[in-house]
N, C-alpha and C. Protein backbone atom coordinates (compact mmCIF):
# COMPACT_ATOMS: atom_id res chain seq x y z
N UNK A 1 93.28 123.53 119.77
CA UNK A 1 93.03 122.12 119.61
C UNK A 1 91.78 121.74 120.41
N UNK A 2 90.92 120.87 119.86
CA UNK A 2 89.70 120.51 120.58
C UNK A 2 90.01 119.70 121.83
N UNK A 3 89.09 119.77 122.82
CA UNK A 3 89.26 119.00 124.05
C UNK A 3 89.06 117.51 123.82
N UNK A 4 88.29 117.15 122.81
CA UNK A 4 87.97 115.76 122.53
C UNK A 4 88.70 115.28 121.29
N UNK A 5 89.38 114.13 121.36
CA UNK A 5 90.02 113.60 120.15
C UNK A 5 88.96 113.31 119.08
N UNK A 6 89.35 113.43 117.83
CA UNK A 6 88.43 113.16 116.73
C UNK A 6 88.94 112.00 115.90
N UNK A 7 88.02 111.31 115.27
CA UNK A 7 88.35 110.21 114.37
C UNK A 7 87.63 110.44 113.06
N UNK A 8 88.39 110.36 111.97
CA UNK A 8 87.81 110.45 110.62
C UNK A 8 88.07 109.11 109.95
N UNK A 9 87.05 108.64 109.22
CA UNK A 9 87.18 107.36 108.52
C UNK A 9 86.68 107.51 107.10
N UNK A 10 87.31 106.75 106.20
CA UNK A 10 86.87 106.69 104.81
C UNK A 10 87.07 105.27 104.33
N UNK A 11 86.27 104.89 103.35
CA UNK A 11 86.35 103.54 102.81
C UNK A 11 86.35 103.61 101.30
N UNK A 12 87.03 102.65 100.69
CA UNK A 12 87.05 102.59 99.24
C UNK A 12 87.17 101.16 98.74
N UNK A 13 86.71 100.97 97.52
CA UNK A 13 86.86 99.72 96.80
C UNK A 13 88.14 99.83 95.99
N UNK A 14 88.98 98.80 96.06
CA UNK A 14 90.18 98.79 95.22
C UNK A 14 90.38 97.40 94.64
N UNK A 15 91.14 97.35 93.59
CA UNK A 15 91.50 96.09 92.93
C UNK A 15 93.00 95.88 93.07
N UNK A 16 93.43 94.63 93.07
CA UNK A 16 94.85 94.30 93.13
C UNK A 16 95.10 93.07 92.26
N UNK A 17 96.33 92.90 91.84
CA UNK A 17 96.68 91.76 91.00
C UNK A 17 96.70 90.50 91.85
N UNK A 18 95.76 89.59 91.56
CA UNK A 18 95.62 88.36 92.33
C UNK A 18 96.48 87.24 91.76
N UNK A 19 96.72 87.30 90.47
CA UNK A 19 97.53 86.28 89.82
C UNK A 19 98.47 86.95 88.83
N UNK A 20 99.54 86.27 88.51
CA UNK A 20 100.45 86.81 87.51
C UNK A 20 100.03 86.40 86.10
N UNK A 21 98.99 85.56 86.01
CA UNK A 21 98.55 85.06 84.71
C UNK A 21 97.74 86.10 83.93
N UNK A 22 97.08 87.01 84.63
CA UNK A 22 96.25 88.00 83.97
C UNK A 22 97.06 89.13 83.38
N UNK A 23 96.39 90.06 82.71
CA UNK A 23 97.09 91.18 82.07
C UNK A 23 97.56 92.24 83.06
N UNK A 24 97.28 92.05 84.35
CA UNK A 24 97.67 93.05 85.34
C UNK A 24 96.57 94.06 85.52
N UNK A 25 96.85 95.04 86.33
CA UNK A 25 95.86 96.04 86.67
C UNK A 25 95.90 97.16 85.64
N UNK A 26 94.86 97.21 84.80
CA UNK A 26 94.73 98.24 83.77
C UNK A 26 93.47 99.05 84.12
N UNK A 27 93.66 100.24 84.69
CA UNK A 27 92.50 101.00 85.18
C UNK A 27 91.37 101.20 84.18
N UNK A 28 91.68 101.52 82.93
CA UNK A 28 90.61 101.77 81.95
C UNK A 28 89.78 100.51 81.72
N UNK A 29 90.40 99.35 81.73
CA UNK A 29 89.66 98.10 81.54
C UNK A 29 88.75 97.82 82.74
N UNK A 30 89.25 98.10 83.93
CA UNK A 30 88.44 97.90 85.13
C UNK A 30 87.20 98.80 85.07
N UNK A 31 87.41 100.06 84.75
CA UNK A 31 86.30 101.02 84.68
C UNK A 31 85.25 100.55 83.68
N UNK A 32 85.70 100.09 82.51
CA UNK A 32 84.77 99.64 81.48
C UNK A 32 83.97 98.43 81.94
N UNK A 33 84.62 97.48 82.58
CA UNK A 33 83.93 96.26 83.01
C UNK A 33 83.02 96.52 84.21
N UNK A 34 83.51 97.25 85.19
CA UNK A 34 82.74 97.49 86.41
C UNK A 34 81.58 98.44 86.17
N UNK A 35 81.80 99.44 85.31
CA UNK A 35 80.75 100.42 85.05
C UNK A 35 80.64 101.47 86.14
N UNK A 36 81.73 101.68 86.84
CA UNK A 36 81.78 102.65 87.93
C UNK A 36 83.00 103.53 87.72
N UNK A 37 82.81 104.83 87.76
CA UNK A 37 83.91 105.76 87.55
C UNK A 37 84.76 105.83 88.82
N UNK A 38 86.07 105.55 88.73
CA UNK A 38 86.90 105.60 89.94
C UNK A 38 87.12 107.03 90.41
N UNK A 39 87.40 107.18 91.69
CA UNK A 39 87.78 108.49 92.22
C UNK A 39 89.28 108.70 92.06
N UNK A 40 90.03 107.60 91.88
CA UNK A 40 91.46 107.67 91.60
C UNK A 40 91.86 106.46 90.76
N UNK A 41 92.63 106.71 89.72
CA UNK A 41 93.15 105.62 88.89
C UNK A 41 94.42 106.11 88.23
N UNK A 42 95.41 105.23 88.18
CA UNK A 42 96.65 105.55 87.46
C UNK A 42 97.38 104.25 87.11
N UNK A 43 98.27 104.37 86.16
CA UNK A 43 99.09 103.23 85.75
C UNK A 43 100.49 103.40 86.30
N UNK A 44 101.13 102.29 86.47
CA UNK A 44 102.54 102.32 86.89
C UNK A 44 103.32 103.18 85.90
N UNK A 45 104.13 104.09 86.44
CA UNK A 45 104.93 104.97 85.60
C UNK A 45 104.29 106.31 85.30
N UNK A 46 102.96 106.44 85.57
CA UNK A 46 102.32 107.75 85.37
C UNK A 46 102.93 108.76 86.33
N UNK A 47 102.94 110.05 85.96
CA UNK A 47 103.44 111.08 86.88
C UNK A 47 102.65 111.04 88.20
N UNK A 48 103.37 111.17 89.30
CA UNK A 48 102.76 111.09 90.64
C UNK A 48 102.73 112.48 91.27
N UNK A 49 101.87 113.32 90.78
CA UNK A 49 101.75 114.68 91.26
C UNK A 49 101.39 114.70 92.75
N UNK A 50 102.11 115.49 93.52
CA UNK A 50 101.84 115.61 94.94
C UNK A 50 102.37 114.47 95.79
N UNK A 51 103.15 113.59 95.23
CA UNK A 51 103.72 112.46 95.97
C UNK A 51 105.23 112.70 96.16
N UNK A 52 105.83 112.01 97.10
CA UNK A 52 107.27 112.21 97.30
C UNK A 52 108.14 111.53 96.23
N UNK A 53 107.54 110.81 95.32
CA UNK A 53 108.28 110.19 94.23
C UNK A 53 107.73 110.74 92.91
N UNK A 54 108.55 110.76 91.85
CA UNK A 54 108.13 111.41 90.60
C UNK A 54 107.08 110.63 89.81
N UNK A 55 107.10 109.30 89.89
CA UNK A 55 106.17 108.47 89.12
C UNK A 55 105.57 107.39 90.01
N UNK A 56 104.33 106.99 89.69
CA UNK A 56 103.68 105.93 90.47
C UNK A 56 104.45 104.63 90.31
N UNK A 57 104.62 103.95 91.43
CA UNK A 57 105.37 102.69 91.44
C UNK A 57 104.50 101.48 91.10
N UNK A 58 103.18 101.67 91.13
CA UNK A 58 102.28 100.58 90.77
C UNK A 58 100.99 101.18 90.22
N UNK A 59 100.23 100.35 89.55
CA UNK A 59 98.93 100.78 89.03
C UNK A 59 97.90 100.72 90.15
N UNK A 60 96.87 101.55 90.04
CA UNK A 60 95.83 101.57 91.08
C UNK A 60 94.49 101.97 90.47
N UNK A 61 93.44 101.44 91.06
CA UNK A 61 92.06 101.81 90.72
C UNK A 61 91.31 101.79 92.04
N UNK A 62 90.66 102.91 92.38
CA UNK A 62 89.86 102.93 93.61
C UNK A 62 88.64 103.82 93.45
N UNK A 63 87.59 103.38 94.12
CA UNK A 63 86.35 104.16 94.22
C UNK A 63 86.17 104.46 95.70
N UNK A 64 86.29 105.72 96.06
CA UNK A 64 86.30 106.12 97.47
C UNK A 64 85.06 106.90 97.86
N UNK A 65 84.59 106.64 99.06
CA UNK A 65 83.52 107.41 99.66
C UNK A 65 84.12 108.57 100.45
N UNK A 66 83.41 109.67 100.60
CA UNK A 66 83.94 110.80 101.37
C UNK A 66 84.21 110.40 102.83
N UNK A 67 85.19 111.04 103.41
CA UNK A 67 85.53 110.79 104.82
C UNK A 67 84.41 111.29 105.72
N UNK A 68 84.26 110.62 106.86
CA UNK A 68 83.24 111.01 107.84
C UNK A 68 83.88 111.06 109.23
N UNK A 69 83.47 112.01 110.03
CA UNK A 69 83.91 112.08 111.42
C UNK A 69 83.01 111.14 112.22
N UNK A 70 83.52 109.94 112.50
CA UNK A 70 82.72 108.93 113.18
C UNK A 70 83.61 107.88 113.84
N UNK A 71 83.08 107.27 114.88
CA UNK A 71 83.75 106.12 115.49
C UNK A 71 83.16 104.81 114.97
N UNK A 72 82.13 104.88 114.15
CA UNK A 72 81.39 103.70 113.67
C UNK A 72 81.96 103.22 112.33
N UNK A 73 82.91 102.31 112.40
CA UNK A 73 83.55 101.80 111.19
C UNK A 73 82.55 101.04 110.32
N UNK A 74 81.65 100.30 110.92
CA UNK A 74 80.68 99.55 110.13
C UNK A 74 79.82 100.47 109.28
N UNK A 75 79.45 101.63 109.82
CA UNK A 75 78.65 102.57 109.05
C UNK A 75 79.40 103.03 107.80
N UNK A 76 80.68 103.27 107.91
CA UNK A 76 81.51 103.69 106.77
C UNK A 76 81.54 102.58 105.71
N UNK A 77 81.68 101.34 106.15
CA UNK A 77 81.71 100.21 105.22
C UNK A 77 80.34 100.01 104.58
N UNK A 78 79.27 100.15 105.35
CA UNK A 78 77.92 100.01 104.78
C UNK A 78 77.66 101.05 103.70
N UNK A 79 78.11 102.29 103.91
CA UNK A 79 77.92 103.32 102.89
C UNK A 79 78.67 102.97 101.61
N UNK A 80 79.87 102.42 101.75
CA UNK A 80 80.61 101.97 100.56
C UNK A 80 79.83 100.85 99.86
N UNK A 81 79.37 99.88 100.60
CA UNK A 81 78.62 98.77 100.00
C UNK A 81 77.36 99.27 99.30
N UNK A 82 76.65 100.22 99.89
CA UNK A 82 75.46 100.78 99.25
C UNK A 82 75.81 101.36 97.88
N UNK A 83 76.98 101.98 97.77
CA UNK A 83 77.38 102.62 96.51
C UNK A 83 77.86 101.62 95.46
N UNK A 84 78.49 100.53 95.89
CA UNK A 84 79.10 99.62 94.90
C UNK A 84 78.26 98.38 94.59
N UNK A 85 77.32 98.02 95.44
CA UNK A 85 76.52 96.82 95.18
C UNK A 85 75.77 96.84 93.85
N UNK A 86 75.30 97.99 93.36
CA UNK A 86 74.67 97.97 92.04
C UNK A 86 75.64 97.55 90.92
N UNK A 87 76.92 97.53 91.20
CA UNK A 87 77.95 97.15 90.22
C UNK A 87 78.56 95.78 90.54
N UNK A 88 77.85 94.99 91.33
CA UNK A 88 78.37 93.70 91.79
C UNK A 88 78.78 92.79 90.64
N UNK A 89 77.95 92.66 89.62
CA UNK A 89 78.31 91.79 88.49
C UNK A 89 79.58 92.27 87.81
N UNK A 90 79.73 93.58 87.66
CA UNK A 90 80.92 94.14 87.04
C UNK A 90 82.17 93.94 87.88
N UNK A 91 82.03 94.06 89.21
CA UNK A 91 83.17 93.83 90.10
C UNK A 91 83.65 92.39 89.98
N UNK A 92 82.71 91.45 90.03
CA UNK A 92 83.09 90.04 89.91
C UNK A 92 83.66 89.74 88.53
N UNK A 93 83.08 90.33 87.48
CA UNK A 93 83.57 90.11 86.11
C UNK A 93 84.99 90.67 85.94
N UNK A 94 85.26 91.83 86.50
CA UNK A 94 86.61 92.41 86.39
C UNK A 94 87.63 91.50 87.06
N UNK A 95 87.29 90.97 88.21
CA UNK A 95 88.21 90.07 88.91
C UNK A 95 88.46 88.81 88.09
N UNK A 96 87.38 88.22 87.60
CA UNK A 96 87.49 86.97 86.84
C UNK A 96 88.22 87.19 85.52
N UNK A 97 87.86 88.21 84.78
CA UNK A 97 88.40 88.46 83.45
C UNK A 97 89.85 88.93 83.48
N UNK A 98 90.17 89.78 84.46
CA UNK A 98 91.49 90.42 84.48
C UNK A 98 92.45 89.79 85.49
N UNK A 99 92.02 88.73 86.17
CA UNK A 99 92.90 88.08 87.15
C UNK A 99 93.19 88.97 88.35
N UNK A 100 92.15 89.67 88.82
CA UNK A 100 92.32 90.61 89.93
C UNK A 100 91.59 90.13 91.17
N UNK A 101 91.96 90.68 92.30
CA UNK A 101 91.21 90.55 93.53
C UNK A 101 90.64 91.93 93.84
N UNK A 102 89.63 91.96 94.70
CA UNK A 102 89.03 93.24 95.09
C UNK A 102 88.89 93.26 96.60
N UNK A 103 88.98 94.45 97.16
CA UNK A 103 88.83 94.57 98.61
C UNK A 103 88.21 95.92 98.97
N UNK A 104 87.60 95.90 100.13
CA UNK A 104 87.15 97.15 100.75
C UNK A 104 88.28 97.58 101.67
N UNK A 105 88.70 98.82 101.54
CA UNK A 105 89.77 99.33 102.38
C UNK A 105 89.22 100.46 103.23
N UNK A 106 89.56 100.43 104.50
CA UNK A 106 89.11 101.45 105.44
C UNK A 106 90.34 102.16 106.00
N UNK A 107 90.32 103.48 105.95
CA UNK A 107 91.39 104.28 106.53
C UNK A 107 90.82 105.00 107.73
N UNK A 108 91.43 104.77 108.88
CA UNK A 108 90.96 105.37 110.12
C UNK A 108 92.05 106.32 110.61
N UNK A 109 91.69 107.60 110.72
CA UNK A 109 92.62 108.62 111.20
C UNK A 109 92.15 109.10 112.56
N UNK A 110 92.96 108.84 113.57
CA UNK A 110 92.63 109.24 114.93
C UNK A 110 93.50 110.42 115.31
N UNK A 111 92.90 111.42 115.89
CA UNK A 111 93.63 112.62 116.29
C UNK A 111 93.69 112.67 117.81
N UNK A 112 94.91 112.65 118.33
CA UNK A 112 95.13 112.59 119.76
C UNK A 112 95.31 113.98 120.35
N UNK A 113 95.06 114.05 121.64
CA UNK A 113 95.32 115.28 122.39
C UNK A 113 96.11 114.92 123.64
N UNK A 114 96.71 115.91 124.24
CA UNK A 114 97.39 115.73 125.54
C UNK A 114 96.41 116.20 126.61
N UNK A 115 96.16 115.33 127.55
CA UNK A 115 95.25 115.66 128.64
C UNK A 115 96.00 116.57 129.62
N UNK A 116 95.38 117.63 130.02
CA UNK A 116 96.02 118.58 130.93
C UNK A 116 95.96 118.07 132.36
N UNK A 117 96.84 117.12 132.64
CA UNK A 117 96.94 116.58 134.00
C UNK A 117 98.40 116.60 134.40
N UNK A 118 98.68 116.14 135.59
CA UNK A 118 100.06 116.15 136.08
C UNK A 118 100.99 115.29 135.23
N UNK A 119 100.47 114.25 134.57
CA UNK A 119 101.34 113.38 133.78
C UNK A 119 101.29 113.68 132.28
N UNK A 120 100.51 114.70 131.88
CA UNK A 120 100.43 115.10 130.48
C UNK A 120 100.13 113.89 129.58
N UNK A 121 99.14 113.09 129.97
CA UNK A 121 98.81 111.86 129.27
C UNK A 121 98.33 112.12 127.84
N UNK A 122 98.70 111.24 126.95
CA UNK A 122 98.23 111.28 125.58
C UNK A 122 96.88 110.56 125.52
N UNK A 123 95.87 111.21 124.93
CA UNK A 123 94.53 110.64 124.85
C UNK A 123 94.20 110.36 123.39
N UNK A 124 93.93 109.09 123.10
CA UNK A 124 93.52 108.68 121.76
C UNK A 124 92.27 107.83 121.90
N UNK A 125 91.17 108.30 121.39
CA UNK A 125 89.94 107.52 121.41
C UNK A 125 89.89 106.75 120.09
N UNK A 126 89.82 105.44 120.18
CA UNK A 126 89.85 104.60 118.99
C UNK A 126 88.52 103.90 118.77
N UNK A 127 88.16 103.68 117.51
CA UNK A 127 86.92 102.95 117.25
C UNK A 127 87.09 101.47 117.56
N UNK A 128 86.03 100.86 118.06
CA UNK A 128 85.99 99.41 118.19
C UNK A 128 85.48 98.88 116.86
N UNK A 129 86.29 98.10 116.18
CA UNK A 129 85.93 97.64 114.84
C UNK A 129 85.19 96.31 114.96
N UNK A 130 83.92 96.34 114.58
CA UNK A 130 83.12 95.12 114.57
C UNK A 130 82.11 95.23 113.43
N UNK A 131 81.70 94.07 112.93
CA UNK A 131 80.75 94.02 111.82
C UNK A 131 79.63 93.05 112.13
N UNK A 132 78.43 93.42 111.73
CA UNK A 132 77.28 92.53 111.88
C UNK A 132 77.39 91.40 110.85
N UNK A 133 76.64 90.34 111.08
CA UNK A 133 76.62 89.23 110.12
C UNK A 133 76.13 89.72 108.76
N UNK A 134 75.19 90.67 108.76
CA UNK A 134 74.67 91.20 107.49
C UNK A 134 75.77 91.89 106.68
N UNK A 135 76.59 92.70 107.33
CA UNK A 135 77.67 93.39 106.61
C UNK A 135 78.72 92.40 106.12
N UNK A 136 79.05 91.42 106.93
CA UNK A 136 80.01 90.39 106.51
C UNK A 136 79.46 89.63 105.30
N UNK A 137 78.16 89.32 105.31
CA UNK A 137 77.54 88.63 104.19
C UNK A 137 77.57 89.49 102.92
N UNK A 138 77.36 90.80 103.07
CA UNK A 138 77.41 91.69 101.90
C UNK A 138 78.82 91.73 101.31
N UNK A 139 79.83 91.78 102.16
CA UNK A 139 81.22 91.75 101.67
C UNK A 139 81.49 90.42 100.96
N UNK A 140 81.05 89.32 101.56
CA UNK A 140 81.28 88.00 100.98
C UNK A 140 80.56 87.84 99.65
N UNK A 141 79.36 88.39 99.54
CA UNK A 141 78.60 88.28 98.29
C UNK A 141 79.33 88.95 97.13
N UNK A 142 80.15 89.97 97.43
CA UNK A 142 80.94 90.64 96.41
C UNK A 142 82.34 90.04 96.29
N UNK A 143 82.62 89.02 97.10
CA UNK A 143 83.93 88.36 97.14
C UNK A 143 85.03 89.37 97.49
N UNK A 144 84.72 90.26 98.45
CA UNK A 144 85.67 91.28 98.87
C UNK A 144 86.36 90.89 100.17
N UNK A 145 87.66 91.08 100.21
CA UNK A 145 88.36 91.04 101.48
C UNK A 145 88.25 92.44 102.07
N UNK A 146 88.68 92.59 103.32
CA UNK A 146 88.62 93.92 103.93
C UNK A 146 89.95 94.20 104.61
N UNK A 147 90.39 95.44 104.49
CA UNK A 147 91.67 95.87 105.04
C UNK A 147 91.46 97.16 105.82
N UNK A 148 92.11 97.28 106.97
CA UNK A 148 92.01 98.49 107.78
C UNK A 148 93.41 99.07 107.97
N UNK A 149 93.56 100.34 107.68
CA UNK A 149 94.78 101.08 107.99
C UNK A 149 94.43 102.11 109.05
N UNK A 150 95.24 102.18 110.10
CA UNK A 150 94.95 103.09 111.19
C UNK A 150 96.15 104.02 111.43
N UNK A 151 95.85 105.30 111.59
CA UNK A 151 96.89 106.29 111.81
C UNK A 151 96.50 107.15 113.00
N UNK A 152 97.48 107.49 113.82
CA UNK A 152 97.26 108.39 114.95
C UNK A 152 98.08 109.65 114.70
N UNK A 153 97.43 110.80 114.80
CA UNK A 153 98.08 112.09 114.61
C UNK A 153 98.05 112.85 115.93
N UNK A 154 99.18 113.38 116.32
CA UNK A 154 99.25 114.17 117.54
C UNK A 154 99.23 115.64 117.16
N UNK A 155 98.25 116.36 117.70
CA UNK A 155 98.14 117.79 117.42
C UNK A 155 99.22 118.56 118.16
N UNK A 156 99.39 119.82 117.79
CA UNK A 156 100.40 120.65 118.45
C UNK A 156 99.95 121.12 119.80
């Protein structure tokens, strides 16, 4: 196990059902309107290969950026924005037409270690999450909310 804890972060664009009035989340329609090929898409009831349940419980569409070993959450979000901003009109149109909301989601995985001291302290280095006004403006221009999920893993 490394002496220094590591943090991996990834970000993705996802859509969710914002109203019950629309047709719901239909991945193929989102792809057609947005003009961006998702990295993951499925419909409710599709087989859920590799999951603890046999079928997906909800529909999903996401465009994900590769994970990076970094403590800089803003950098991860900026890379996502760089990739999706050329599709801004399509993102807004999909939300408007299909009754969806869109968000940037960030997954932060922190890997802890035990410090070799008398108290065997657990060491977890966590990123300080902050965004510049420019990044907040870019998210707002796409009408995106932002969500952060954080996980801590303890090595053996």
